[in-house]
Amino acid sequence: MNQRERIEEIEKHFERASEVLDRLSSSLEEFAQVQESVKALEAYYGSEEWKKDFLDDEKGFLPPDLKRGVLSEDGVWNLLEEIRAIKERMQDLSK
């Protein structure tokens, strides 16, 4: 590989890393901003309010047009677990 080819090859790596870093930085900023929402979900999920809301949904007491993704046991649990896993990955990458 001659000098020009080497520089062109490394330039491709530089450009790719720069693009990914820009996207990651934006995503991390969004992730930081959503932490209050995550805390609210964690506090609600499994609380007495959530249990009552879940049971009322099971009994058909809630309006049919009400979005109720937060009453899905698996949906909220999976989201919170995914967030924990991402935080662990970020910690592992920082080592």
N, C-alpha and C. Protein backbone atom coordinates (compact mmCIF):
# COMPACT_ATOMS: atom_id res chain seq x y z
N MET A 1 0.86 -1.17 0.00
CA MET A 1 0.00 0.00 0.00
C MET A 1 0.91 1.24 0.00
N ASN A 2 0.67 2.10 -0.95
CA ASN A 2 1.50 3.31 -1.00
C ASN A 2 0.93 4.37 -0.05
N GLN A 3 1.64 5.48 0.03
CA GLN A 3 1.27 6.55 0.97
C GLN A 3 -0.14 7.08 0.71
N ARG A 4 -0.44 7.35 -0.54
CA ARG A 4 -1.76 7.88 -0.89
C ARG A 4 -2.87 6.91 -0.50
N GLU A 5 -2.70 5.64 -0.83
CA GLU A 5 -3.70 4.62 -0.50
C GLU A 5 -3.88 4.51 1.01
N ARG A 6 -2.78 4.57 1.74
CA ARG A 6 -2.84 4.47 3.20
C ARG A 6 -3.64 5.65 3.77
N ILE A 7 -3.33 6.85 3.31
CA ILE A 7 -4.03 8.04 3.82
C ILE A 7 -5.51 7.98 3.45
N GLU A 8 -5.82 7.57 2.23
CA GLU A 8 -7.23 7.45 1.81
C GLU A 8 -7.96 6.42 2.66
N GLU A 9 -7.30 5.30 2.93
CA GLU A 9 -7.92 4.25 3.75
C GLU A 9 -8.19 4.75 5.17
N ILE A 10 -7.22 5.38 5.77
CA ILE A 10 -7.39 5.88 7.13
C ILE A 10 -8.41 7.02 7.16
N GLU A 11 -8.44 7.82 6.11
CA GLU A 11 -9.44 8.90 6.01
C GLU A 11 -10.86 8.33 6.04
N LYS A 12 -11.07 7.18 5.39
CA LYS A 12 -12.39 6.53 5.43
C LYS A 12 -12.75 6.15 6.86
N HIS A 13 -11.78 5.60 7.59
CA HIS A 13 -12.02 5.24 8.99
C HIS A 13 -12.36 6.48 9.81
N PHE A 14 -11.62 7.56 9.57
CA PHE A 14 -11.84 8.82 10.27
C PHE A 14 -13.25 9.35 10.00
N GLU A 15 -13.66 9.36 8.75
CA GLU A 15 -14.99 9.86 8.39
C GLU A 15 -16.09 9.01 9.01
N ARG A 16 -15.92 7.69 8.94
CA ARG A 16 -16.94 6.80 9.52
C ARG A 16 -17.05 7.01 11.03
N ALA A 17 -15.90 7.06 11.70
CA ALA A 17 -15.91 7.25 13.15
C ALA A 17 -16.53 8.61 13.50
N SER A 18 -16.23 9.63 12.74
CA SER A 18 -16.79 10.97 12.99
C SER A 18 -18.31 10.97 12.84
N GLU A 19 -18.81 10.33 11.80
CA GLU A 19 -20.25 10.27 11.57
C GLU A 19 -20.96 9.52 12.69
N VAL A 20 -20.39 8.38 13.08
CA VAL A 20 -21.00 7.58 14.14
C VAL A 20 -20.96 8.35 15.46
N LEU A 21 -19.87 9.01 15.73
CA LEU A 21 -19.75 9.79 16.96
C LEU A 21 -20.77 10.91 17.02
N ASP A 22 -21.01 11.58 15.90
CA ASP A 22 -22.04 12.63 15.86
C ASP A 22 -23.41 12.06 16.19
N ARG A 23 -23.75 10.92 15.60
CA ARG A 23 -25.06 10.29 15.87
C ARG A 23 -25.15 9.84 17.32
N LEU A 24 -24.06 9.26 17.82
CA LEU A 24 -24.04 8.79 19.20
C LEU A 24 -24.21 9.95 20.17
N SER A 25 -23.54 11.04 19.91
CA SER A 25 -23.64 12.21 20.77
C SER A 25 -25.08 12.72 20.82
N SER A 26 -25.73 12.79 19.68
CA SER A 26 -27.13 13.22 19.63
C SER A 26 -28.03 12.25 20.39
N SER A 27 -27.79 10.96 20.19
CA SER A 27 -28.60 9.95 20.88
C SER A 27 -28.38 9.99 22.38
N LEU A 28 -27.14 10.20 22.82
CA LEU A 28 -26.87 10.29 24.25
C LEU A 28 -27.55 11.51 24.86
N GLU A 29 -27.60 12.59 24.13
CA GLU A 29 -28.29 13.78 24.62
C GLU A 29 -29.78 13.49 24.79
N GLU A 30 -30.38 12.83 23.81
CA GLU A 30 -31.80 12.46 23.91
C GLU A 30 -32.01 11.50 25.08
N PHE A 31 -31.10 10.54 25.23
CA PHE A 31 -31.19 9.55 26.31
C PHE A 31 -31.12 10.26 27.67
N ALA A 32 -30.24 11.24 27.79
CA ALA A 32 -30.13 11.99 29.04
C ALA A 32 -31.43 12.74 29.33
N GLN A 33 -32.02 13.30 28.29
CA GLN A 33 -33.25 14.08 28.46
C GLN A 33 -34.45 13.23 28.83
N VAL A 34 -34.43 11.96 28.50
CA VAL A 34 -35.58 11.09 28.76
C VAL A 34 -35.48 10.42 30.15
N GLN A 35 -34.43 10.67 30.90
CA GLN A 35 -34.25 10.00 32.18
C GLN A 35 -35.35 10.32 33.19
N GLU A 36 -35.90 11.52 33.15
CA GLU A 36 -37.03 11.84 34.04
C GLU A 36 -38.24 10.95 33.72
N SER A 37 -38.46 10.71 32.43
CA SER A 37 -39.56 9.82 32.02
C SER A 37 -39.29 8.40 32.48
N VAL A 38 -38.05 7.97 32.40
CA VAL A 38 -37.68 6.62 32.85
C VAL A 38 -37.92 6.49 34.35
N LYS A 39 -37.53 7.50 35.11
CA LYS A 39 -37.76 7.47 36.56
C LYS A 39 -39.25 7.41 36.88
N ALA A 40 -40.05 8.15 36.12
CA ALA A 40 -41.50 8.12 36.34
C ALA A 40 -42.07 6.73 36.03
N LEU A 41 -41.59 6.11 34.96
CA LEU A 41 -42.03 4.74 34.63
C LEU A 41 -41.63 3.76 35.72
N GLU A 42 -40.39 3.87 36.19
CA GLU A 42 -39.91 2.97 37.25
C GLU A 42 -40.74 3.12 38.52
N ALA A 43 -41.08 4.36 38.86
CA ALA A 43 -41.87 4.60 40.07
C ALA A 43 -43.29 4.06 39.92
N TYR A 44 -43.86 4.20 38.74
CA TYR A 44 -45.24 3.77 38.50
C TYR A 44 -45.35 2.25 38.39
N TYR A 45 -44.41 1.64 37.65
CA TYR A 45 -44.49 0.21 37.37
C TYR A 45 -44.35 -0.59 38.68
N GLY A 46 -45.34 -1.36 38.99
CA GLY A 46 -45.33 -2.18 40.20
C GLY A 46 -45.87 -1.46 41.43
N SER A 47 -46.20 -0.17 41.29
CA SER A 47 -46.76 0.58 42.43
C SER A 47 -48.21 0.15 42.67
N GLU A 48 -48.75 0.60 43.78
CA GLU A 48 -50.15 0.30 44.08
C GLU A 48 -51.07 0.92 43.02
N GLU A 49 -50.71 2.11 42.54
CA GLU A 49 -51.51 2.75 41.48
C GLU A 49 -51.51 1.89 40.23
N TRP A 50 -50.31 1.40 39.85
CA TRP A 50 -50.21 0.57 38.65
C TRP A 50 -51.05 -0.69 38.83
N LYS A 51 -50.96 -1.32 39.99
CA LYS A 51 -51.72 -2.55 40.24
C LYS A 51 -53.22 -2.30 40.11
N LYS A 52 -53.69 -1.18 40.67
CA LYS A 52 -55.11 -0.84 40.56
C LYS A 52 -55.49 -0.59 39.11
N ASP A 53 -54.67 0.19 38.41
CA ASP A 53 -54.94 0.48 37.00
C ASP A 53 -54.96 -0.80 36.17
N PHE A 54 -54.03 -1.70 36.46
CA PHE A 54 -53.95 -2.98 35.75
C PHE A 54 -55.22 -3.80 35.99
N LEU A 55 -55.62 -3.90 37.25
CA LEU A 55 -56.83 -4.67 37.58
C LEU A 55 -58.08 -4.04 36.96
N ASP A 56 -58.17 -2.72 37.01
CA ASP A 56 -59.32 -2.05 36.40
C ASP A 56 -59.36 -2.30 34.89
N ASP A 57 -58.20 -2.36 34.27
CA ASP A 57 -58.14 -2.67 32.84
C ASP A 57 -58.61 -4.10 32.60
N GLU A 58 -58.14 -5.02 33.43
CA GLU A 58 -58.55 -6.42 33.30
C GLU A 58 -60.06 -6.59 33.45
N LYS A 59 -60.65 -5.77 34.30
CA LYS A 59 -62.10 -5.84 34.55
C LYS A 59 -62.90 -5.08 33.50
N GLY A 60 -62.22 -4.39 32.59
CA GLY A 60 -62.91 -3.66 31.54
C GLY A 60 -63.44 -2.30 31.97
N PHE A 61 -62.89 -1.76 33.05
CA PHE A 61 -63.36 -0.47 33.57
C PHE A 61 -62.78 0.73 32.82
N LEU A 62 -61.73 0.54 32.07
CA LEU A 62 -61.08 1.66 31.39
C LEU A 62 -61.68 1.86 30.01
N PRO A 63 -61.70 3.10 29.53
CA PRO A 63 -62.27 3.37 28.20
C PRO A 63 -61.51 2.61 27.11
N PRO A 64 -62.21 2.08 26.13
CA PRO A 64 -61.56 1.28 25.10
C PRO A 64 -60.57 2.08 24.24
N ASP A 65 -60.74 3.39 24.15
CA ASP A 65 -59.85 4.19 23.31
C ASP A 65 -58.61 4.69 24.07
N LEU A 66 -58.47 4.32 25.34
CA LEU A 66 -57.33 4.75 26.16
C LEU A 66 -56.10 3.92 25.83
N LYS A 67 -55.02 4.60 25.45
CA LYS A 67 -53.77 3.87 25.23
C LYS A 67 -53.31 3.32 26.56
N ARG A 68 -52.89 2.05 26.58
CA ARG A 68 -52.56 1.42 27.85
C ARG A 68 -51.30 0.57 27.79
N GLY A 69 -50.35 1.02 26.99
CA GLY A 69 -49.08 0.31 26.91
C GLY A 69 -48.38 0.19 28.25
N VAL A 70 -48.59 1.18 29.12
CA VAL A 70 -47.95 1.14 30.44
C VAL A 70 -48.55 0.07 31.34
N LEU A 71 -49.69 -0.47 30.95
CA LEU A 71 -50.30 -1.53 31.75
C LEU A 71 -49.87 -2.92 31.27
N SER A 72 -49.07 -2.95 30.24
CA SER A 72 -48.53 -4.21 29.75
C SER A 72 -47.35 -4.59 30.63
N GLU A 73 -47.48 -5.69 31.36
CA GLU A 73 -46.38 -6.11 32.24
C GLU A 73 -45.09 -6.29 31.46
N ASP A 74 -45.17 -7.01 30.36
CA ASP A 74 -43.97 -7.29 29.58
C ASP A 74 -43.42 -6.05 28.90
N GLY A 75 -44.29 -5.20 28.40
CA GLY A 75 -43.84 -4.02 27.67
C GLY A 75 -42.98 -3.09 28.51
N VAL A 76 -43.47 -2.73 29.69
CA VAL A 76 -42.73 -1.83 30.57
C VAL A 76 -41.48 -2.52 31.10
N TRP A 77 -41.62 -3.76 31.54
CA TRP A 77 -40.47 -4.50 32.08
C TRP A 77 -39.38 -4.60 31.03
N ASN A 78 -39.75 -4.97 29.79
CA ASN A 78 -38.76 -5.10 28.72
C ASN A 78 -38.07 -3.77 28.44
N LEU A 79 -38.83 -2.68 28.43
CA LEU A 79 -38.24 -1.36 28.20
C LEU A 79 -37.23 -1.02 29.29
N LEU A 80 -37.63 -1.21 30.55
CA LEU A 80 -36.73 -0.90 31.66
C LEU A 80 -35.49 -1.79 31.65
N GLU A 81 -35.65 -3.05 31.31
CA GLU A 81 -34.49 -3.95 31.21
C GLU A 81 -33.56 -3.54 30.08
N GLU A 82 -34.13 -3.13 28.97
CA GLU A 82 -33.31 -2.68 27.84
C GLU A 82 -32.52 -1.43 28.23
N ILE A 83 -33.14 -0.54 28.97
CA ILE A 83 -32.44 0.67 29.43
C ILE A 83 -31.29 0.28 30.35
N ARG A 84 -31.54 -0.65 31.27
CA ARG A 84 -30.47 -1.11 32.17
C ARG A 84 -29.32 -1.74 31.37
N ALA A 85 -29.66 -2.55 30.38
CA ALA A 85 -28.64 -3.20 29.56
C ALA A 85 -27.82 -2.18 28.78
N ILE A 86 -28.47 -1.16 28.27
CA ILE A 86 -27.75 -0.11 27.54
C ILE A 86 -26.81 0.64 28.47
N LYS A 87 -27.26 0.93 29.68
CA LYS A 87 -26.40 1.61 30.65
C LYS A 87 -25.18 0.74 30.98
N GLU A 88 -25.39 -0.56 31.12
CA GLU A 88 -24.27 -1.48 31.38
C GLU A 88 -23.30 -1.49 30.22
N ARG A 89 -23.82 -1.53 28.99
CA ARG A 89 -22.95 -1.50 27.81
C ARG A 89 -22.13 -0.23 27.77
N MET A 90 -22.76 0.89 28.10
CA MET A 90 -22.04 2.16 28.10
C MET A 90 -20.93 2.14 29.15
N GLN A 91 -21.20 1.55 30.31
CA GLN A 91 -20.16 1.44 31.34
C GLN A 91 -19.03 0.54 30.87
N ASP A 92 -19.38 -0.59 30.25
CA ASP A 92 -18.35 -1.51 29.74
C ASP A 92 -17.48 -0.84 28.68
N LEU A 93 -18.10 -0.06 27.81
CA LEU A 93 -17.35 0.61 26.76
C LEU A 93 -16.43 1.70 27.30
N SER A 94 -16.76 2.24 28.47
CA SER A 94 -15.94 3.32 29.03
C SER A 94 -14.72 2.80 29.77
N LYS A 95 -14.59 1.49 29.90
CA LYS A 95 -13.43 0.90 30.61
C LYS A 95 -12.21 0.86 29.73
